[in-house]
Amino acid sequence: MEEDLLLAAKAYVEVIEKLGKTSDPRKAQSLEEERGERHWIFIDKLKKYGIDYRDREDATRIAYRIVNGEL
């Protein structure tokens, strides 16, 4: 696994998990913005390495699989 793809996946998964744990609306808004940014960074890495994905949910599943060492 390429290091930059792994790092992008980790950053994306971390912000998703933080977002799921927060109940503060202001923090949630900030994390949602960060999630969007991390998503597009991760998408660019997927494209760079020729990894196909169907939609945002599929890209998220791929990110979790990368982080868990399944890919």
PDB file of N, CA and C in Angstrom:
ATOM      1  N   MET A   1       0.851  -1.183   0.000  1.00  0.00           N
ATOM      2  CA  MET A   1       0.000   0.000   0.000  1.00  0.00           C
ATOM      3  C   MET A   1       0.893   1.241   0.000  1.00  0.00           C
ATOM      4  N   GLU A   2       0.567   2.165  -0.860  1.00  0.00           N
ATOM      5  CA  GLU A   2       1.330   3.402  -0.943  1.00  0.00           C
ATOM      6  C   GLU A   2       1.081   4.252   0.309  1.00  0.00           C
ATOM      7  N   GLU A   3       2.144   4.816   0.820  1.00  0.00           N
ATOM      8  CA  GLU A   3       2.081   5.567   2.075  1.00  0.00           C
ATOM      9  C   GLU A   3       1.114   6.752   2.001  1.00  0.00           C
ATOM     10  N   ASP A   4       1.124   7.497   0.895  1.00  0.00           N
ATOM     11  CA  ASP A   4       0.242   8.669   0.823  1.00  0.00           C
ATOM     12  C   ASP A   4      -1.229   8.270   0.767  1.00  0.00           C
ATOM     13  N   LEU A   5      -1.545   7.136   0.151  1.00  0.00           N
ATOM     14  CA  LEU A   5      -2.927   6.647   0.132  1.00  0.00           C
ATOM     15  C   LEU A   5      -3.347   6.219   1.537  1.00  0.00           C
ATOM     16  N   LEU A   6      -2.477   5.525   2.232  1.00  0.00           N
ATOM     17  CA  LEU A   6      -2.762   5.092   3.599  1.00  0.00           C
ATOM     18  C   LEU A   6      -2.972   6.290   4.520  1.00  0.00           C
ATOM     19  N   LEU A   7      -2.116   7.293   4.420  1.00  0.00           N
ATOM     20  CA  LEU A   7      -2.254   8.487   5.262  1.00  0.00           C
ATOM     21  C   LEU A   7      -3.552   9.235   4.961  1.00  0.00           C
ATOM     22  N   ALA A   8      -3.910   9.335   3.692  1.00  0.00           N
ATOM     23  CA  ALA A   8      -5.154  10.011   3.313  1.00  0.00           C
ATOM     24  C   ALA A   8      -6.355   9.239   3.855  1.00  0.00           C
ATOM     25  N   ALA A   9      -6.312   7.918   3.767  1.00  0.00           N
ATOM     26  CA  ALA A   9      -7.403   7.089   4.286  1.00  0.00           C
ATOM     27  C   ALA A   9      -7.520   7.256   5.796  1.00  0.00           C
ATOM     28  N   LYS A  10      -6.398   7.236   6.493  1.00  0.00           N
ATOM     29  CA  LYS A  10      -6.414   7.391   7.957  1.00  0.00           C
ATOM     30  C   LYS A  10      -7.007   8.740   8.360  1.00  0.00           C
ATOM     31  N   ALA A  11      -6.587   9.797   7.700  1.00  0.00           N
ATOM     32  CA  ALA A  11      -7.092  11.134   8.029  1.00  0.00           C
ATOM     33  C   ALA A  11      -8.597  11.219   7.774  1.00  0.00           C
ATOM     34  N   TYR A  12      -9.045  10.620   6.690  1.00  0.00           N
ATOM     35  CA  TYR A  12     -10.466  10.628   6.335  1.00  0.00           C
ATOM     36  C   TYR A  12     -11.280   9.857   7.376  1.00  0.00           C
ATOM     37  N   VAL A  13     -10.830   8.674   7.740  1.00  0.00           N
ATOM     38  CA  VAL A  13     -11.533   7.851   8.725  1.00  0.00           C
ATOM     39  C   VAL A  13     -11.534   8.533  10.095  1.00  0.00           C
ATOM     40  N   GLU A  14     -10.430   9.131  10.488  1.00  0.00           N
ATOM     41  CA  GLU A  14     -10.363   9.807  11.785  1.00  0.00           C
ATOM     42  C   GLU A  14     -11.395  10.914  11.898  1.00  0.00           C
ATOM     43  N   VAL A  15     -11.525  11.728  10.863  1.00  0.00           N
ATOM     44  CA  VAL A  15     -12.487  12.831  10.942  1.00  0.00           C
ATOM     45  C   VAL A  15     -13.921  12.297  10.910  1.00  0.00           C
ATOM     46  N   ILE A  16     -14.183  11.230  10.190  1.00  0.00           N
ATOM     47  CA  ILE A  16     -15.520  10.628  10.190  1.00  0.00           C
ATOM     48  C   ILE A  16     -15.862  10.132  11.586  1.00  0.00           C
ATOM     49  N   GLU A  17     -14.920   9.475  12.231  1.00  0.00           N
ATOM     50  CA  GLU A  17     -15.174   8.954  13.571  1.00  0.00           C
ATOM     51  C   GLU A  17     -15.358  10.072  14.594  1.00  0.00           C
ATOM     52  N   LYS A  18     -14.575  11.141  14.482  1.00  0.00           N
ATOM     53  CA  LYS A  18     -14.758  12.292  15.378  1.00  0.00           C
ATOM     54  C   LYS A  18     -16.141  12.905  15.171  1.00  0.00           C
ATOM     55  N   LEU A  19     -16.548  13.016  13.933  1.00  0.00           N
ATOM     56  CA  LEU A  19     -17.848  13.588  13.613  1.00  0.00           C
ATOM     57  C   LEU A  19     -18.975  12.755  14.220  1.00  0.00           C
ATOM     58  N   GLY A  20     -18.834  11.443  14.168  1.00  0.00           N
ATOM     59  CA  GLY A  20     -19.848  10.564  14.734  1.00  0.00           C
ATOM     60  C   GLY A  20     -19.944  10.626  16.248  1.00  0.00           C
ATOM     61  N   LYS A  21     -18.897  11.089  16.902  1.00  0.00           N
ATOM     62  CA  LYS A  21     -18.863  11.120  18.369  1.00  0.00           C
ATOM     63  C   LYS A  21     -19.238  12.470  18.963  1.00  0.00           C
ATOM     64  N   THR A  22     -19.322  13.516  18.159  1.00  0.00           N
ATOM     65  CA  THR A  22     -19.571  14.838  18.718  1.00  0.00           C
ATOM     66  C   THR A  22     -21.060  15.154  18.782  1.00  0.00           C
ATOM     67  N   SER A  23     -21.435  15.873  19.819  1.00  0.00           N
ATOM     68  CA  SER A  23     -22.811  16.347  19.938  1.00  0.00           C
ATOM     69  C   SER A  23     -22.861  17.874  19.892  1.00  0.00           C
ATOM     70  N   ASP A  24     -21.707  18.500  19.825  1.00  0.00           N
ATOM     71  CA  ASP A  24     -21.612  19.959  19.760  1.00  0.00           C
ATOM     72  C   ASP A  24     -21.857  20.402  18.306  1.00  0.00           C
ATOM     73  N   PRO A  25     -22.928  21.160  18.055  1.00  0.00           N
ATOM     74  CA  PRO A  25     -23.258  21.554  16.686  1.00  0.00           C
ATOM     75  C   PRO A  25     -22.158  22.370  15.999  1.00  0.00           C
ATOM     76  N   ARG A  26     -21.486  23.220  16.741  1.00  0.00           N
ATOM     77  CA  ARG A  26     -20.408  24.015  16.135  1.00  0.00           C
ATOM     78  C   ARG A  26     -19.239  23.137  15.741  1.00  0.00           C
ATOM     79  N   LYS A  27     -18.882  22.232  16.626  1.00  0.00           N
ATOM     80  CA  LYS A  27     -17.785  21.317  16.326  1.00  0.00           C
ATOM     81  C   LYS A  27     -18.175  20.392  15.168  1.00  0.00           C
ATOM     82  N   ALA A  28     -19.432  19.958  15.161  1.00  0.00           N
ATOM     83  CA  ALA A  28     -19.911  19.089  14.082  1.00  0.00           C
ATOM     84  C   ALA A  28     -19.813  19.809  12.737  1.00  0.00           C
ATOM     85  N   GLN A  29     -20.150  21.071  12.700  1.00  0.00           N
ATOM     86  CA  GLN A  29     -20.061  21.841  11.461  1.00  0.00           C
ATOM     87  C   GLN A  29     -18.620  21.914  10.984  1.00  0.00           C
ATOM     88  N   SER A  30     -17.723  22.198  11.891  1.00  0.00           N
ATOM     89  CA  SER A  30     -16.305  22.277  11.552  1.00  0.00           C
ATOM     90  C   SER A  30     -15.784  20.924  11.058  1.00  0.00           C
ATOM     91  N   LEU A  31     -16.172  19.861  11.754  1.00  0.00           N
ATOM     92  CA  LEU A  31     -15.734  18.522  11.356  1.00  0.00           C
ATOM     93  C   LEU A  31     -16.330  18.116  10.010  1.00  0.00           C
ATOM     94  N   GLU A  32     -17.559  18.530   9.740  1.00  0.00           N
ATOM     95  CA  GLU A  32     -18.184  18.218   8.448  1.00  0.00           C
ATOM     96  C   GLU A  32     -17.427  18.898   7.311  1.00  0.00           C
ATOM     97  N   GLU A  33     -16.995  20.123   7.539  1.00  0.00           N
ATOM     98  CA  GLU A  33     -16.191  20.816   6.536  1.00  0.00           C
ATOM     99  C   GLU A  33     -14.857  20.097   6.327  1.00  0.00           C
ATOM    100  N   GLU A  34     -14.240  19.682   7.417  1.00  0.00           N
ATOM    101  CA  GLU A  34     -12.982  18.952   7.319  1.00  0.00           C
ATOM    102  C   GLU A  34     -13.195  17.603   6.627  1.00  0.00           C
ATOM    103  N   ARG A  35     -14.325  16.941   6.924  1.00  0.00           N
ATOM    104  CA  ARG A  35     -14.631  15.678   6.279  1.00  0.00           C
ATOM    105  C   ARG A  35     -14.706  15.848   4.768  1.00  0.00           C
ATOM    106  N   GLY A  36     -15.346  16.926   4.338  1.00  0.00           N
ATOM    107  CA  GLY A  36     -15.443  17.205   2.911  1.00  0.00           C
ATOM    108  C   GLY A  36     -14.073  17.382   2.274  1.00  0.00           C
ATOM    109  N   GLU A  37     -13.213  18.127   2.943  1.00  0.00           N
ATOM    110  CA  GLU A  37     -11.855  18.334   2.434  1.00  0.00           C
ATOM    111  C   GLU A  37     -11.076  17.026   2.378  1.00  0.00           C
ATOM    112  N   ARG A  38     -11.157  16.240   3.455  1.00  0.00           N
ATOM    113  CA  ARG A  38     -10.444  14.952   3.511  1.00  0.00           C
ATOM    114  C   ARG A  38     -10.983  13.979   2.461  1.00  0.00           C
ATOM    115  N   HIS A  39     -12.299  14.053   2.234  1.00  0.00           N
ATOM    116  CA  HIS A  39     -12.916  13.194   1.223  1.00  0.00           C
ATOM    117  C   HIS A  39     -12.280  13.438  -0.142  1.00  0.00           C
ATOM    118  N   TRP A  40     -12.176  14.696  -0.538  1.00  0.00           N
ATOM    119  CA  TRP A  40     -11.640  14.998  -1.866  1.00  0.00           C
ATOM    120  C   TRP A  40     -10.157  14.683  -1.973  1.00  0.00           C
ATOM    121  N   ILE A  41      -9.426  14.847  -0.897  1.00  0.00           N
ATOM    122  CA  ILE A  41      -8.012  14.442  -0.897  1.00  0.00           C
ATOM    123  C   ILE A  41      -7.924  12.936  -1.106  1.00  0.00           C
ATOM    124  N   PHE A  42      -8.762  12.181  -0.384  1.00  0.00           N
ATOM    125  CA  PHE A  42      -8.765  10.729  -0.524  1.00  0.00           C
ATOM    126  C   PHE A  42      -9.191  10.313  -1.933  1.00  0.00           C
ATOM    127  N   ILE A  43     -10.207  10.967  -2.472  1.00  0.00           N
ATOM    128  CA  ILE A  43     -10.669  10.663  -3.833  1.00  0.00           C
ATOM    129  C   ILE A  43      -9.533  10.875  -4.831  1.00  0.00           C
ATOM    130  N   ASP A  44      -8.791  11.957  -4.683  1.00  0.00           N
ATOM    131  CA  ASP A  44      -7.650  12.212  -5.577  1.00  0.00           C
ATOM    132  C   ASP A  44      -6.622  11.086  -5.491  1.00  0.00           C
ATOM    133  N   LYS A  45      -6.384  10.563  -4.292  1.00  0.00           N
ATOM    134  CA  LYS A  45      -5.434   9.447  -4.130  1.00  0.00           C
ATOM    135  C   LYS A  45      -5.982   8.178  -4.782  1.00  0.00           C
ATOM    136  N   LEU A  46      -7.284   7.923  -4.628  1.00  0.00           N
ATOM    137  CA  LEU A  46      -7.876   6.759  -5.287  1.00  0.00           C
ATOM    138  C   LEU A  46      -7.685   6.846  -6.803  1.00  0.00           C
ATOM    139  N   LYS A  47      -7.952   8.016  -7.348  1.00  0.00           N
ATOM    140  CA  LYS A  47      -7.774   8.215  -8.792  1.00  0.00           C
ATOM    141  C   LYS A  47      -6.318   8.038  -9.197  1.00  0.00           C
ATOM    142  N   LYS A  48      -5.416   8.577  -8.391  1.00  0.00           N
ATOM    143  CA  LYS A  48      -3.985   8.480  -8.686  1.00  0.00           C
ATOM    144  C   LYS A  48      -3.538   7.022  -8.814  1.00  0.00           C
ATOM    145  N   TYR A  49      -4.090   6.170  -7.975  1.00  0.00           N
ATOM    146  CA  TYR A  49      -3.693   4.763  -7.978  1.00  0.00           C
ATOM    147  C   TYR A  49      -4.650   3.865  -8.756  1.00  0.00           C
ATOM    148  N   GLY A  50      -5.588   4.471  -9.472  1.00  0.00           N
ATOM    149  CA  GLY A  50      -6.486   3.705 -10.333  1.00  0.00           C
ATOM    150  C   GLY A  50      -7.467   2.818  -9.585  1.00  0.00           C
ATOM    151  N   ILE A  51      -7.854   3.238  -8.405  1.00  0.00           N
ATOM    152  CA  ILE A  51      -8.811   2.469  -7.611  1.00  0.00           C
ATOM    153  C   ILE A  51     -10.208   3.017  -7.888  1.00  0.00           C
ATOM    154  N   ASP A  52     -11.059   2.149  -8.421  1.00  0.00           N
ATOM    155  CA  ASP A  52     -12.424   2.558  -8.760  1.00  0.00           C
ATOM    156  C   ASP A  52     -13.307   2.598  -7.527  1.00  0.00           C
ATOM    157  N   TYR A  53     -14.274   3.504  -7.543  1.00  0.00           N
ATOM    158  CA  TYR A  53     -15.266   3.625  -6.482  1.00  0.00           C
ATOM    159  C   TYR A  53     -16.552   4.085  -7.136  1.00  0.00           C
ATOM    160  N   ARG A  54     -17.691   3.718  -6.558  1.00  0.00           N
ATOM    161  CA  ARG A  54     -18.991   4.059  -7.157  1.00  0.00           C
ATOM    162  C   ARG A  54     -19.514   5.408  -6.690  1.00  0.00           C
ATOM    163  N   ASP A  55     -19.386   5.676  -5.395  1.00  0.00           N
ATOM    164  CA  ASP A  55     -19.957   6.879  -4.809  1.00  0.00           C
ATOM    165  C   ASP A  55     -19.237   7.175  -3.502  1.00  0.00           C
ATOM    166  N   ARG A  56     -19.727   8.164  -2.779  1.00  0.00           N
ATOM    167  CA  ARG A  56     -19.065   8.559  -1.540  1.00  0.00           C
ATOM    168  C   ARG A  56     -19.047   7.430  -0.518  1.00  0.00           C
ATOM    169  N   GLU A  57     -20.164   6.712  -0.411  1.00  0.00           N
ATOM    170  CA  GLU A  57     -20.208   5.606   0.554  1.00  0.00           C
ATOM    171  C   GLU A  57     -19.207   4.520   0.209  1.00  0.00           C
ATOM    172  N   ASP A  58     -19.067   4.242  -1.078  1.00  0.00           N
ATOM    173  CA  ASP A  58     -18.099   3.232  -1.500  1.00  0.00           C
ATOM    174  C   ASP A  58     -16.678   3.699  -1.186  1.00  0.00           C
ATOM    175  N   ALA A  59     -16.403   4.961  -1.422  1.00  0.00           N
ATOM    176  CA  ALA A  59     -15.077   5.504  -1.105  1.00  0.00           C
ATOM    177  C   ALA A  59     -14.809   5.408   0.400  1.00  0.00           C
ATOM    178  N   THR A  60     -15.833   5.659   1.197  1.00  0.00           N
ATOM    179  CA  THR A  60     -15.688   5.548   2.646  1.00  0.00           C
ATOM    180  C   THR A  60     -15.401   4.111   3.049  1.00  0.00           C
ATOM    181  N   ARG A  61     -16.111   3.160   2.459  1.00  0.00           N
ATOM    182  CA  ARG A  61     -15.848   1.738   2.753  1.00  0.00           C
ATOM    183  C   ARG A  61     -14.415   1.370   2.385  1.00  0.00           C
ATOM    184  N   ILE A  62     -13.958   1.861   1.253  1.00  0.00           N
ATOM    185  CA  ILE A  62     -12.584   1.593   0.817  1.00  0.00           C
ATOM    186  C   ILE A  62     -11.592   2.174   1.817  1.00  0.00           C
ATOM    187  N   ALA A  63     -11.847   3.393   2.288  1.00  0.00           N
ATOM    188  CA  ALA A  63     -10.965   4.027   3.275  1.00  0.00           C
ATOM    189  C   ALA A  63     -10.869   3.175   4.531  1.00  0.00           C
ATOM    190  N   TYR A  64     -12.015   2.700   5.033  1.00  0.00           N
ATOM    191  CA  TYR A  64     -11.992   1.857   6.227  1.00  0.00           C
ATOM    192  C   TYR A  64     -11.235   0.550   5.963  1.00  0.00           C
ATOM    193  N   ARG A  65     -11.414  -0.022   4.784  1.00  0.00           N
ATOM    194  CA  ARG A  65     -10.707  -1.275   4.456  1.00  0.00           C
ATOM    195  C   ARG A  65      -9.207  -1.045   4.390  1.00  0.00           C
ATOM    196  N   ILE A  66      -8.796   0.089   3.859  1.00  0.00           N
ATOM    197  CA  ILE A  66      -7.363   0.401   3.804  1.00  0.00           C
ATOM    198  C   ILE A  66      -6.799   0.551   5.218  1.00  0.00           C
ATOM    199  N   VAL A  67      -7.510   1.316   6.041  1.00  0.00           N
ATOM    200  CA  VAL A  67      -7.050   1.552   7.411  1.00  0.00           C
ATOM    201  C   VAL A  67      -6.988   0.250   8.209  1.00  0.00           C
ATOM    202  N   ASN A  68      -7.922  -0.655   7.964  1.00  0.00           N
ATOM    203  CA  ASN A  68      -7.956  -1.934   8.679  1.00  0.00           C
ATOM    204  C   ASN A  68      -7.031  -2.985   8.072  1.00  0.00           C
ATOM    205  N   GLY A  69      -6.287  -2.613   7.032  1.00  0.00           N
ATOM    206  CA  GLY A  69      -5.333  -3.538   6.436  1.00  0.00           C
ATOM    207  C   GLY A  69      -5.967  -4.594   5.551  1.00  0.00           C
ATOM    208  N   GLU A  70      -7.189  -4.367   5.121  1.00  0.00           N
ATOM    209  CA  GLU A  70      -7.890  -5.333   4.280  1.00  0.00           C
ATOM    210  C   GLU A  70      -7.569  -5.156   2.801  1.00  0.00           C
ATOM    211  N   LEU A  71      -7.016  -4.038   2.444  1.00  0.00           N
ATOM    212  CA  LEU A  71      -6.627  -3.780   1.043  1.00  0.00           C
ATOM    213  C   LEU A  71      -5.164  -3.465   0.967  1.00  0.00           C
TER     214      LEU A  71
END
